[in-house]
N, C-alpha and C. Protein backbone atom coordinates (compact mmCIF):
# COMPACT_ATOMS: atom_id res chain seq x y z
N UNK A 1 12.45 -8.24 5.63
CA UNK A 1 13.43 -8.01 4.58
C UNK A 1 12.90 -6.91 3.65
N UNK A 2 13.73 -5.96 3.34
CA UNK A 2 13.28 -4.83 2.53
C UNK A 2 13.69 -4.96 1.07
N UNK A 3 13.00 -4.21 0.25
CA UNK A 3 13.23 -4.21 -1.19
C UNK A 3 14.27 -3.15 -1.54
N UNK A 4 14.91 -3.31 -2.68
CA UNK A 4 15.86 -2.32 -3.19
C UNK A 4 15.15 -1.46 -4.24
N UNK A 5 15.42 -0.16 -4.24
CA UNK A 5 14.80 0.76 -5.20
C UNK A 5 15.83 1.15 -6.25
N UNK A 6 15.45 1.01 -7.51
CA UNK A 6 16.30 1.43 -8.63
C UNK A 6 15.48 2.40 -9.48
N UNK A 7 16.06 3.56 -9.74
CA UNK A 7 15.39 4.60 -10.54
C UNK A 7 15.92 4.55 -11.97
N UNK A 8 15.02 4.56 -12.96
CA UNK A 8 15.45 4.63 -14.36
C UNK A 8 15.93 6.05 -14.65
N UNK A 9 16.74 6.21 -15.69
CA UNK A 9 17.22 7.54 -16.07
C UNK A 9 16.04 8.46 -16.41
N UNK A 10 15.04 7.90 -17.08
CA UNK A 10 13.87 8.68 -17.47
C UNK A 10 13.12 9.18 -16.24
N UNK A 11 12.95 8.34 -15.24
CA UNK A 11 12.23 8.76 -14.04
C UNK A 11 12.99 9.82 -13.26
N UNK A 12 14.31 9.74 -13.26
CA UNK A 12 15.13 10.75 -12.57
C UNK A 12 14.98 12.10 -13.27
N UNK A 13 15.02 12.11 -14.59
CA UNK A 13 14.86 13.35 -15.35
C UNK A 13 13.47 13.95 -15.13
N UNK A 14 12.44 13.09 -15.10
CA UNK A 14 11.09 13.56 -14.87
C UNK A 14 10.94 14.12 -13.46
N UNK A 15 11.57 13.48 -12.50
CA UNK A 15 11.51 13.94 -11.11
C UNK A 15 12.18 15.30 -10.95
N UNK A 16 13.25 15.54 -11.70
CA UNK A 16 13.95 16.82 -11.64
C UNK A 16 13.10 17.96 -12.19
N UNK A 17 12.17 17.66 -13.10
CA UNK A 17 11.32 18.69 -13.70
C UNK A 17 10.14 19.07 -12.80
N UNK A 18 9.82 18.22 -11.84
CA UNK A 18 8.70 18.47 -10.93
C UNK A 18 9.17 19.43 -9.84
N UNK A 19 8.24 20.27 -9.34
CA UNK A 19 8.62 21.20 -8.28
C UNK A 19 9.16 20.44 -7.07
N UNK A 20 10.05 21.09 -6.33
CA UNK A 20 10.79 20.43 -5.27
C UNK A 20 9.91 19.82 -4.18
N UNK A 21 8.83 20.48 -3.84
CA UNK A 21 7.94 19.97 -2.79
C UNK A 21 7.33 18.62 -3.19
N UNK A 22 6.77 18.55 -4.38
CA UNK A 22 6.17 17.30 -4.85
C UNK A 22 7.22 16.24 -5.15
N UNK A 23 8.38 16.64 -5.66
CA UNK A 23 9.45 15.68 -5.94
C UNK A 23 9.92 15.02 -4.65
N UNK A 24 10.03 15.80 -3.60
CA UNK A 24 10.45 15.26 -2.31
C UNK A 24 9.41 14.28 -1.78
N UNK A 25 8.13 14.63 -1.93
CA UNK A 25 7.05 13.76 -1.48
C UNK A 25 7.06 12.43 -2.24
N UNK A 26 7.27 12.50 -3.56
CA UNK A 26 7.34 11.29 -4.39
C UNK A 26 8.50 10.41 -3.95
N UNK A 27 9.67 11.03 -3.79
CA UNK A 27 10.88 10.30 -3.39
C UNK A 27 10.67 9.61 -2.04
N UNK A 28 10.09 10.32 -1.08
CA UNK A 28 9.88 9.76 0.25
C UNK A 28 8.87 8.61 0.24
N UNK A 29 7.79 8.75 -0.55
CA UNK A 29 6.79 7.69 -0.60
C UNK A 29 7.32 6.43 -1.28
N UNK A 30 8.16 6.60 -2.28
CA UNK A 30 8.77 5.43 -2.92
C UNK A 30 9.67 4.72 -1.91
N UNK A 31 10.47 5.48 -1.16
CA UNK A 31 11.35 4.87 -0.17
C UNK A 31 10.57 4.28 1.00
N UNK A 32 9.42 4.86 1.34
CA UNK A 32 8.59 4.31 2.42
C UNK A 32 8.00 2.95 2.05
N UNK A 33 7.89 2.67 0.77
CA UNK A 33 7.26 1.42 0.34
C UNK A 33 8.23 0.24 0.26
N UNK A 34 9.47 0.41 0.71
CA UNK A 34 10.44 -0.68 0.57
C UNK A 34 10.15 -1.87 1.50
N UNK A 35 9.45 -1.65 2.58
CA UNK A 35 9.12 -2.77 3.48
C UNK A 35 8.03 -3.66 2.88
N UNK A 36 6.98 -3.04 2.37
CA UNK A 36 5.88 -3.79 1.76
C UNK A 36 5.28 -2.96 0.62
N UNK A 37 5.85 -3.07 -0.58
CA UNK A 37 5.37 -2.23 -1.69
C UNK A 37 3.93 -2.52 -2.10
N UNK A 38 3.44 -3.71 -1.87
CA UNK A 38 2.08 -4.05 -2.31
C UNK A 38 1.01 -3.39 -1.46
N UNK A 39 1.39 -2.81 -0.34
CA UNK A 39 0.45 -2.10 0.53
C UNK A 39 0.02 -0.78 -0.10
N UNK A 40 0.92 -0.16 -0.87
CA UNK A 40 0.67 1.20 -1.37
C UNK A 40 0.41 1.28 -2.87
N UNK A 41 0.58 0.19 -3.60
CA UNK A 41 0.46 0.25 -5.06
C UNK A 41 -0.76 -0.50 -5.57
N UNK A 42 -1.10 -0.21 -6.82
CA UNK A 42 -2.17 -0.92 -7.52
C UNK A 42 -1.64 -1.41 -8.86
N UNK A 43 -2.04 -2.60 -9.26
CA UNK A 43 -1.62 -3.14 -10.55
C UNK A 43 -2.38 -2.43 -11.67
N UNK A 44 -1.67 -2.07 -12.73
CA UNK A 44 -2.31 -1.44 -13.88
C UNK A 44 -3.00 -2.49 -14.72
N UNK A 45 -4.15 -2.15 -15.27
CA UNK A 45 -4.91 -3.07 -16.10
C UNK A 45 -4.16 -3.34 -17.40
N UNK A 46 -4.11 -4.59 -17.81
CA UNK A 46 -3.44 -5.02 -19.05
C UNK A 46 -1.98 -4.58 -19.12
N UNK A 47 -1.29 -4.62 -17.99
CA UNK A 47 0.10 -4.20 -17.94
C UNK A 47 0.80 -4.96 -16.82
N UNK A 48 2.10 -5.20 -16.98
CA UNK A 48 2.84 -5.86 -15.89
C UNK A 48 3.27 -4.88 -14.79
N UNK A 49 2.97 -3.59 -14.97
CA UNK A 49 3.44 -2.56 -14.05
C UNK A 49 2.41 -2.22 -12.98
N UNK A 50 2.89 -1.50 -11.97
CA UNK A 50 2.07 -1.03 -10.86
C UNK A 50 2.14 0.48 -10.81
N UNK A 51 1.18 1.11 -10.12
CA UNK A 51 1.22 2.56 -9.96
C UNK A 51 1.16 2.92 -8.49
N UNK A 52 1.83 4.01 -8.18
CA UNK A 52 1.81 4.59 -6.85
C UNK A 52 1.26 5.99 -6.97
N UNK A 53 0.20 6.30 -6.23
CA UNK A 53 -0.40 7.64 -6.27
C UNK A 53 0.29 8.54 -5.27
N UNK A 54 0.69 9.72 -5.74
CA UNK A 54 1.29 10.74 -4.87
C UNK A 54 0.64 12.07 -5.25
N UNK A 55 -0.48 12.38 -4.63
CA UNK A 55 -1.21 13.59 -4.97
C UNK A 55 -1.68 13.54 -6.41
N UNK A 56 -1.30 14.54 -7.21
CA UNK A 56 -1.67 14.58 -8.63
C UNK A 56 -0.63 13.91 -9.51
N UNK A 57 0.34 13.25 -8.92
CA UNK A 57 1.39 12.58 -9.68
C UNK A 57 1.26 11.08 -9.54
N UNK A 58 1.78 10.37 -10.54
CA UNK A 58 1.77 8.92 -10.53
C UNK A 58 3.19 8.42 -10.79
N UNK A 59 3.53 7.35 -10.09
CA UNK A 59 4.83 6.70 -10.27
C UNK A 59 4.54 5.31 -10.80
N UNK A 60 5.09 4.99 -11.96
CA UNK A 60 4.92 3.67 -12.57
C UNK A 60 6.09 2.80 -12.11
N UNK A 61 5.76 1.66 -11.52
CA UNK A 61 6.77 0.78 -10.93
C UNK A 61 6.73 -0.60 -11.56
N UNK A 62 7.89 -1.22 -11.63
CA UNK A 62 8.02 -2.62 -12.02
C UNK A 62 8.51 -3.35 -10.78
N UNK A 63 7.64 -4.14 -10.15
CA UNK A 63 8.02 -4.87 -8.94
C UNK A 63 8.54 -6.24 -9.32
N UNK A 64 9.83 -6.44 -9.17
CA UNK A 64 10.47 -7.71 -9.51
C UNK A 64 10.58 -8.53 -8.23
N UNK A 65 9.56 -9.38 -8.01
CA UNK A 65 9.41 -10.08 -6.75
C UNK A 65 10.54 -11.07 -6.46
N UNK A 66 11.03 -11.75 -7.46
CA UNK A 66 12.09 -12.72 -7.25
C UNK A 66 13.38 -12.10 -6.73
N UNK A 67 13.67 -10.90 -7.18
CA UNK A 67 14.90 -10.20 -6.80
C UNK A 67 14.65 -9.15 -5.71
N UNK A 68 13.37 -8.93 -5.36
CA UNK A 68 12.96 -7.91 -4.39
C UNK A 68 13.48 -6.53 -4.80
N UNK A 69 13.18 -6.16 -6.05
CA UNK A 69 13.60 -4.87 -6.61
C UNK A 69 12.35 -4.07 -6.99
N UNK A 70 12.34 -2.80 -6.59
CA UNK A 70 11.33 -1.86 -7.04
C UNK A 70 12.01 -1.00 -8.10
N UNK A 71 11.64 -1.20 -9.36
CA UNK A 71 12.23 -0.43 -10.46
C UNK A 71 11.26 0.69 -10.84
N UNK A 72 11.69 1.93 -10.64
CA UNK A 72 10.85 3.08 -10.95
C UNK A 72 10.99 3.38 -12.45
N UNK A 73 9.92 3.16 -13.20
CA UNK A 73 9.94 3.30 -14.65
C UNK A 73 9.71 4.76 -15.05
N UNK A 74 8.63 5.37 -14.54
CA UNK A 74 8.28 6.75 -14.90
C UNK A 74 7.65 7.47 -13.73
N UNK A 75 7.76 8.79 -13.75
CA UNK A 75 7.12 9.66 -12.76
C UNK A 75 6.62 10.89 -13.50
N UNK A 76 5.30 11.13 -13.44
CA UNK A 76 4.76 12.29 -14.15
C UNK A 76 3.38 12.64 -13.59
N UNK A 77 2.83 13.75 -14.08
CA UNK A 77 1.50 14.20 -13.67
C UNK A 77 0.48 13.18 -14.15
N UNK A 78 -0.58 13.03 -13.38
CA UNK A 78 -1.59 12.00 -13.69
C UNK A 78 -2.25 12.20 -15.04
N UNK A 79 -2.32 13.43 -15.53
CA UNK A 79 -2.96 13.69 -16.81
C UNK A 79 -2.09 13.34 -18.01
N UNK A 80 -0.80 13.18 -17.78
CA UNK A 80 0.13 12.92 -18.88
C UNK A 80 0.66 11.49 -18.89
N UNK A 81 0.79 10.87 -17.76
CA UNK A 81 1.53 9.60 -17.67
C UNK A 81 0.84 8.44 -18.38
N UNK A 82 -0.48 8.41 -18.42
CA UNK A 82 -1.17 7.29 -19.04
C UNK A 82 -1.33 7.45 -20.54
N UNK A 83 -1.01 8.63 -21.09
CA UNK A 83 -1.16 8.86 -22.53
C UNK A 83 0.06 8.44 -23.32
N UNK A 84 1.09 7.99 -22.64
CA UNK A 84 2.34 7.62 -23.32
C UNK A 84 2.30 6.22 -23.86
């Protein structure tokens, strides 16, 4: 059984600002994780969220296990995303 992916408005806007090559890679890796998201992500310390590494970019995810939803919270460069 696969998970459903929901993108926040903020993550979509951030994805549009990233160059097309990296944006496509991010999009594909998020969709590739719908079968087993826990295989590719790591839990963030002191946070309910998870992160997915895509080169120099990070995708912050909220994995809602009861509903089997992958909610994409943010997508940004690794140097900027953790300072927010």
